[in-house]
Amino acid sequence: MLAKRGLPVCILWTAILTVSVAFAQSVHRDITIGDDEREPAPRFHAKTLDGEQFTNDSTKGKVVLLQFWTTWCPYCKGEEGLVNDITTEFSGKGLVVLAVDVGESKKVVQQYLKDHPRKCRIVITGDTNLAAMYAANRYPIYVVVDRDGKIVDTLRGSGGERRLRRSLARAGLESSEKKDSE
């Protein structure tokens, strides 16, 4: 009797597991958008810890890299150096990097930044509407917006330097190192 009920239950659990894995893989895929299919970035406002204000209008003509992160995320911490390097390399070429800390207090973030200084502009969730717009609930998340204010890529999870640089290149920012080696 147990064997007769066990097989259908086993088949049901296998089906549930298969569907769950397929769904999880589809949720974590990068969203890469072709040039003609790019959608405008949602209307946003953001105030940095230093008091700078950013909106869609103020970033028009610039490439914007949004990084959604937290102080407790090991992947975010692992990519801080990369984001710092990209900020330094491209800031003179029209890149604005806004690192949006999600769900932590200003005090926690400021304390963290004392030990882990960042070169990009830091925004706290309470000072922007960005985290809600991009459903930032897993970290890091990168969103690249081109000079026309359209979304080029949304990258979920730690993907490394190559992936991020490829997205920036699609937005019109090519690394000078790459051009030198060609």
C-alpha atoms as a PDB file:
ATOM      1  CA  MET A   1       0.000   0.000   0.000  1.00  0.00           C
ATOM      2  CA  LEU A   2       2.797   2.391   0.900  1.00  0.00           C
ATOM      3  CA  ALA A   3       4.612   1.638  -2.372  1.00  0.00           C
ATOM      4  CA  LYS A   4       1.473   2.392  -4.385  1.00  0.00           C
ATOM      5  CA  ARG A   5       1.113   5.827  -2.773  1.00  0.00           C
ATOM      6  CA  GLY A   6       4.858   6.499  -2.706  1.00  0.00           C
ATOM      7  CA  LEU A   7       5.363   6.443  -6.472  1.00  0.00           C
ATOM      8  CA  PRO A   8       2.742   9.136  -7.286  1.00  0.00           C
ATOM      9  CA  VAL A   9       4.044  11.297  -4.422  1.00  0.00           C
ATOM     10  CA  CYS A  10       7.603  10.860  -5.709  1.00  0.00           C
ATOM     11  CA  ILE A  11       6.520  11.811  -9.234  1.00  0.00           C
ATOM     12  CA  LEU A  12       4.649  14.857  -7.907  1.00  0.00           C
ATOM     13  CA  TRP A  13       7.689  16.064  -5.934  1.00  0.00           C
ATOM     14  CA  THR A  14       9.951  15.534  -8.953  1.00  0.00           C
ATOM     15  CA  ALA A  15       7.603  17.632 -11.092  1.00  0.00           C
ATOM     16  CA  ILE A  16       7.446  20.379  -8.450  1.00  0.00           C
ATOM     17  CA  LEU A  17      11.223  20.411  -8.124  1.00  0.00           C
ATOM     18  CA  THR A  18      11.710  20.562 -11.911  1.00  0.00           C
ATOM     19  CA  VAL A  19       9.283  23.467 -12.291  1.00  0.00           C
ATOM     20  CA  SER A  20      10.896  25.291  -9.343  1.00  0.00           C
ATOM     21  CA  VAL A  21      14.400  24.957 -10.786  1.00  0.00           C
ATOM     22  CA  ALA A  22      13.228  26.121 -14.214  1.00  0.00           C
ATOM     23  CA  PHE A  23      11.492  29.130 -12.641  1.00  0.00           C
ATOM     24  CA  ALA A  24      14.532  29.998 -10.506  1.00  0.00           C
ATOM     25  CA  GLN A  25      16.794  29.898 -13.564  1.00  0.00           C
ATOM     26  CA  SER A  26      14.473  32.135 -15.545  1.00  0.00           C
ATOM     27  CA  VAL A  27      14.261  34.660 -12.695  1.00  0.00           C
ATOM     28  CA  HIS A  28      18.052  34.986 -12.413  1.00  0.00           C
ATOM     29  CA  ARG A  29      18.812  35.471 -16.098  1.00  0.00           C
ATOM     30  CA  ASP A  30      20.200  38.798 -17.175  1.00  0.00           C
ATOM     31  CA  ILE A  31      17.847  41.001 -19.092  1.00  0.00           C
ATOM     32  CA  THR A  32      19.667  42.243 -22.186  1.00  0.00           C
ATOM     33  CA  ILE A  33      17.694  44.517 -24.423  1.00  0.00           C
ATOM     34  CA  GLY A  34      18.360  45.213 -28.110  1.00  0.00           C
ATOM     35  CA  ASP A  35      18.917  48.797 -29.262  1.00  0.00           C
ATOM     36  CA  ASP A  36      15.463  49.174 -30.861  1.00  0.00           C
ATOM     37  CA  GLU A  37      13.675  47.508 -27.941  1.00  0.00           C
ATOM     38  CA  ARG A  38      15.096  49.617 -25.117  1.00  0.00           C
ATOM     39  CA  GLU A  39      12.545  51.098 -22.787  1.00  0.00           C
ATOM     40  CA  PRO A  40      12.914  54.376 -20.951  1.00  0.00           C
ATOM     41  CA  ALA A  41      14.163  54.093 -17.386  1.00  0.00           C
ATOM     42  CA  PRO A  42      11.395  54.768 -14.860  1.00  0.00           C
ATOM     43  CA  ARG A  43      11.166  58.312 -13.485  1.00  0.00           C
ATOM     44  CA  PHE A  44      13.415  58.471 -10.446  1.00  0.00           C
ATOM     45  CA  HIS A  45      14.874  60.770  -7.845  1.00  0.00           C
ATOM     46  CA  ALA A  46      17.891  60.055  -5.678  1.00  0.00           C
ATOM     47  CA  LYS A  47      19.830  62.007  -3.068  1.00  0.00           C
ATOM     48  CA  THR A  48      23.357  60.897  -2.203  1.00  0.00           C
ATOM     49  CA  LEU A  49      24.870  60.874   1.268  1.00  0.00           C
ATOM     50  CA  ASP A  50      26.717  64.053   0.211  1.00  0.00           C
ATOM     51  CA  GLY A  51      23.416  65.752  -0.682  1.00  0.00           C
ATOM     52  CA  GLU A  52      23.702  65.592  -4.497  1.00  0.00           C
ATOM     53  CA  GLN A  53      20.352  65.221  -6.264  1.00  0.00           C
ATOM     54  CA  PHE A  54      19.849  63.026  -9.338  1.00  0.00           C
ATOM     55  CA  THR A  55      16.840  62.538 -11.606  1.00  0.00           C
ATOM     56  CA  ASN A  56      16.230  61.299 -15.136  1.00  0.00           C
ATOM     57  CA  ASP A  57      16.580  64.873 -16.365  1.00  0.00           C
ATOM     58  CA  SER A  58      19.877  65.527 -14.566  1.00  0.00           C
ATOM     59  CA  THR A  59      21.441  62.326 -15.941  1.00  0.00           C
ATOM     60  CA  LYS A  60      20.317  62.850 -19.552  1.00  0.00           C
ATOM     61  CA  GLY A  61      23.366  62.658 -21.811  1.00  0.00           C
ATOM     62  CA  LYS A  62      25.249  60.472 -19.315  1.00  0.00           C
ATOM     63  CA  VAL A  63      25.479  56.719 -18.889  1.00  0.00           C
ATOM     64  CA  VAL A  64      24.134  55.663 -15.501  1.00  0.00           C
ATOM     65  CA  LEU A  65      25.171  52.561 -13.593  1.00  0.00           C
ATOM     66  CA  LEU A  66      22.901  51.713 -10.685  1.00  0.00           C
ATOM     67  CA  GLN A  67      24.254  49.200  -8.202  1.00  0.00           C
ATOM     68  CA  PHE A  68      21.807  47.878  -5.609  1.00  0.00           C
ATOM     69  CA  TRP A  69      23.766  46.525  -2.639  1.00  0.00           C
ATOM     70  CA  THR A  70      23.844  45.974   1.123  1.00  0.00           C
ATOM     71  CA  THR A  71      26.633  46.067   3.691  1.00  0.00           C
ATOM     72  CA  TRP A  72      26.056  42.412   4.649  1.00  0.00           C
ATOM     73  CA  CYS A  73      26.182  41.021   1.095  1.00  0.00           C
ATOM     74  CA  PRO A  74      29.461  39.129   0.477  1.00  0.00           C
ATOM     75  CA  TYR A  75      29.033  39.368  -3.308  1.00  0.00           C
ATOM     76  CA  CYS A  76      28.534  43.136  -3.116  1.00  0.00           C
ATOM     77  CA  LYS A  77      31.634  43.432  -0.968  1.00  0.00           C
ATOM     78  CA  GLY A  78      33.565  41.296  -3.442  1.00  0.00           C
ATOM     79  CA  GLU A  79      32.680  43.629  -6.328  1.00  0.00           C
ATOM     80  CA  GLU A  80      33.331  46.939  -4.529  1.00  0.00           C
ATOM     81  CA  GLY A  81      36.823  47.154  -6.025  1.00  0.00           C
ATOM     82  CA  LEU A  82      35.425  46.558  -9.508  1.00  0.00           C
ATOM     83  CA  VAL A  83      32.773  49.268  -9.101  1.00  0.00           C
ATOM     84  CA  ASN A  84      35.413  51.645  -7.700  1.00  0.00           C
ATOM     85  CA  ASP A  85      37.701  50.963 -10.690  1.00  0.00           C
ATOM     86  CA  ILE A  86      34.875  51.470 -13.184  1.00  0.00           C
ATOM     87  CA  THR A  87      33.846  54.688 -11.433  1.00  0.00           C
ATOM     88  CA  THR A  88      37.396  56.029 -11.711  1.00  0.00           C
ATOM     89  CA  GLU A  89      37.952  54.859 -15.284  1.00  0.00           C
ATOM     90  CA  PHE A  90      34.725  56.181 -16.784  1.00  0.00           C
ATOM     91  CA  SER A  91      33.743  59.197 -14.663  1.00  0.00           C
ATOM     92  CA  GLY A  92      35.485  61.539 -17.122  1.00  0.00           C
ATOM     93  CA  LYS A  93      33.634  59.871 -20.010  1.00  0.00           C
ATOM     94  CA  GLY A  94      30.145  60.639 -18.752  1.00  0.00           C
ATOM     95  CA  LEU A  95      29.437  57.747 -16.351  1.00  0.00           C
ATOM     96  CA  VAL A  96      27.420  58.349 -13.193  1.00  0.00           C
ATOM     97  CA  VAL A  97      27.536  55.485 -10.686  1.00  0.00           C
ATOM     98  CA  LEU A  98      24.853  55.448  -7.991  1.00  0.00           C
ATOM     99  CA  ALA A  99      25.281  52.683  -5.412  1.00  0.00           C
ATOM    100  CA  VAL A 100      21.885  52.308  -3.741  1.00  0.00           C
ATOM    101  CA  ASP A 101      22.079  50.641  -0.337  1.00  0.00           C
ATOM    102  CA  VAL A 102      18.812  48.799   0.203  1.00  0.00           C
ATOM    103  CA  GLY A 103      17.025  48.626   3.530  1.00  0.00           C
ATOM    104  CA  GLU A 104      19.734  49.798   5.918  1.00  0.00           C
ATOM    105  CA  SER A 105      19.968  52.907   8.041  1.00  0.00           C
ATOM    106  CA  LYS A 106      22.160  55.862   7.188  1.00  0.00           C
ATOM    107  CA  LYS A 107      24.134  55.228  10.379  1.00  0.00           C
ATOM    108  CA  VAL A 108      24.885  51.591   9.437  1.00  0.00           C
ATOM    109  CA  VAL A 109      25.979  52.593   5.929  1.00  0.00           C
ATOM    110  CA  GLN A 110      28.155  55.466   7.132  1.00  0.00           C
ATOM    111  CA  GLN A 111      29.858  53.190   9.663  1.00  0.00           C
ATOM    112  CA  TYR A 112      30.466  50.593   6.944  1.00  0.00           C
ATOM    113  CA  LEU A 113      31.928  53.222   4.589  1.00  0.00           C
ATOM    114  CA  LYS A 114      34.510  54.218   7.213  1.00  0.00           C
ATOM    115  CA  ASP A 115      36.098  50.777   6.830  1.00  0.00           C
ATOM    116  CA  HIS A 116      35.169  50.253   3.163  1.00  0.00           C
ATOM    117  CA  PRO A 117      35.355  53.613   1.337  1.00  0.00           C
ATOM    118  CA  ARG A 118      33.653  53.796  -2.047  1.00  0.00           C
ATOM    119  CA  LYS A 119      34.488  56.042  -5.009  1.00  0.00           C
ATOM    120  CA  CYS A 120      30.938  56.080  -6.363  1.00  0.00           C
ATOM    121  CA  ARG A 121      28.017  58.076  -5.047  1.00  0.00           C
ATOM    122  CA  ILE A 122      26.097  56.370  -2.245  1.00  0.00           C
ATOM    123  CA  VAL A 123      22.312  56.564  -1.952  1.00  0.00           C
ATOM    124  CA  ILE A 124      20.198  55.236   0.936  1.00  0.00           C
ATOM    125  CA  THR A 125      16.847  53.566   0.193  1.00  0.00           C
ATOM    126  CA  GLY A 126      14.963  56.269   2.099  1.00  0.00           C
ATOM    127  CA  ASP A 127      16.403  58.936  -0.212  1.00  0.00           C
ATOM    128  CA  THR A 128      15.253  57.385  -3.498  1.00  0.00           C
ATOM    129  CA  ASN A 129      12.470  55.464  -5.196  1.00  0.00           C
ATOM    130  CA  LEU A 130      14.895  53.294  -7.205  1.00  0.00           C
ATOM    131  CA  ALA A 131      14.941  50.101  -5.099  1.00  0.00           C
ATOM    132  CA  ALA A 132      11.191  49.638  -5.414  1.00  0.00           C
ATOM    133  CA  MET A 133      11.215  50.331  -9.162  1.00  0.00           C
ATOM    134  CA  TYR A 134      13.778  47.652  -9.882  1.00  0.00           C
ATOM    135  CA  ALA A 135      12.463  45.115  -7.334  1.00  0.00           C
ATOM    136  CA  ALA A 136      15.805  45.059  -5.541  1.00  0.00           C
ATOM    137  CA  ASN A 137      15.497  42.099  -3.201  1.00  0.00           C
ATOM    138  CA  ARG A 138      18.630  40.085  -4.110  1.00  0.00           C
ATOM    139  CA  TYR A 139      22.065  41.592  -4.368  1.00  0.00           C
ATOM    140  CA  PRO A 140      23.926  42.904  -6.153  1.00  0.00           C
ATOM    141  CA  ILE A 141      21.791  44.135  -9.005  1.00  0.00           C
ATOM    142  CA  TYR A 142      23.225  46.344 -11.732  1.00  0.00           C
ATOM    143  CA  VAL A 143      21.148  48.459 -14.098  1.00  0.00           C
ATOM    144  CA  VAL A 144      22.815  50.250 -17.008  1.00  0.00           C
ATOM    145  CA  VAL A 145      20.999  53.216 -18.544  1.00  0.00           C
ATOM    146  CA  ASP A 146      22.257  54.794 -21.780  1.00  0.00           C
ATOM    147  CA  ARG A 147      22.713  58.495 -22.593  1.00  0.00           C
ATOM    148  CA  ASP A 148      19.144  58.676 -23.926  1.00  0.00           C
ATOM    149  CA  GLY A 149      17.720  57.488 -20.598  1.00  0.00           C
ATOM    150  CA  LYS A 150      16.908  53.974 -21.827  1.00  0.00           C
ATOM    151  CA  ILE A 151      17.669  50.723 -20.019  1.00  0.00           C
ATOM    152  CA  VAL A 152      20.461  48.757 -21.692  1.00  0.00           C
ATOM    153  CA  ASP A 153      20.834  45.859 -19.233  1.00  0.00           C
ATOM    154  CA  THR A 154      19.677  44.613 -15.872  1.00  0.00           C
ATOM    155  CA  LEU A 155      22.209  42.236 -14.320  1.00  0.00           C
ATOM    156  CA  ARG A 156      21.133  40.258 -11.271  1.00  0.00           C
ATOM    157  CA  GLY A 157      23.781  38.718  -9.078  1.00  0.00           C
ATOM    158  CA  SER A 158      27.531  38.873  -9.013  1.00  0.00           C
ATOM    159  CA  GLY A 159      28.743  38.447 -12.559  1.00  0.00           C
ATOM    160  CA  GLY A 160      32.187  39.892 -12.640  1.00  0.00           C
ATOM    161  CA  GLU A 161      34.074  42.490 -14.564  1.00  0.00           C
ATOM    162  CA  ARG A 162      33.595  41.161 -18.100  1.00  0.00           C
ATOM    163  CA  ARG A 163      29.827  41.079 -17.882  1.00  0.00           C
ATOM    164  CA  LEU A 164      29.605  44.583 -16.419  1.00  0.00           C
ATOM    165  CA  ARG A 165      32.035  46.054 -18.942  1.00  0.00           C
ATOM    166  CA  ARG A 166      30.077  44.439 -21.790  1.00  0.00           C
ATOM    167  CA  SER A 167      26.931  46.176 -20.563  1.00  0.00           C
ATOM    168  CA  LEU A 168      28.718  49.517 -20.301  1.00  0.00           C
ATOM    169  CA  ALA A 169      30.067  49.052 -23.837  1.00  0.00           C
ATOM    170  CA  ARG A 170      26.516  48.462 -25.085  1.00  0.00           C
ATOM    171  CA  ALA A 171      25.642  51.822 -23.497  1.00  0.00           C
ATOM    172  CA  GLY A 172      28.490  53.508 -25.395  1.00  0.00           C
ATOM    173  CA  LEU A 173      31.366  53.337 -22.878  1.00  0.00           C
ATOM    174  CA  GLU A 174      34.335  51.371 -24.187  1.00  0.00           C
ATOM    175  CA  SER A 175      37.350  50.715 -22.010  1.00  0.00           C
ATOM    176  CA  SER A 176      40.498  52.488 -23.203  1.00  0.00           C
ATOM    177  CA  GLU A 177      42.459  49.315 -22.322  1.00  0.00           C
ATOM    178  CA  LYS A 178      40.393  47.335 -24.826  1.00  0.00           C
ATOM    179  CA  LYS A 179      40.966  49.844 -27.622  1.00  0.00           C
ATOM    180  CA  ASP A 180      44.731  49.865 -26.928  1.00  0.00           C
ATOM    181  CA  SER A 181      44.968  46.097 -27.249  1.00  0.00           C
ATOM    182  CA  GLU A 182      43.082  45.938 -30.566  1.00  0.00           C
END
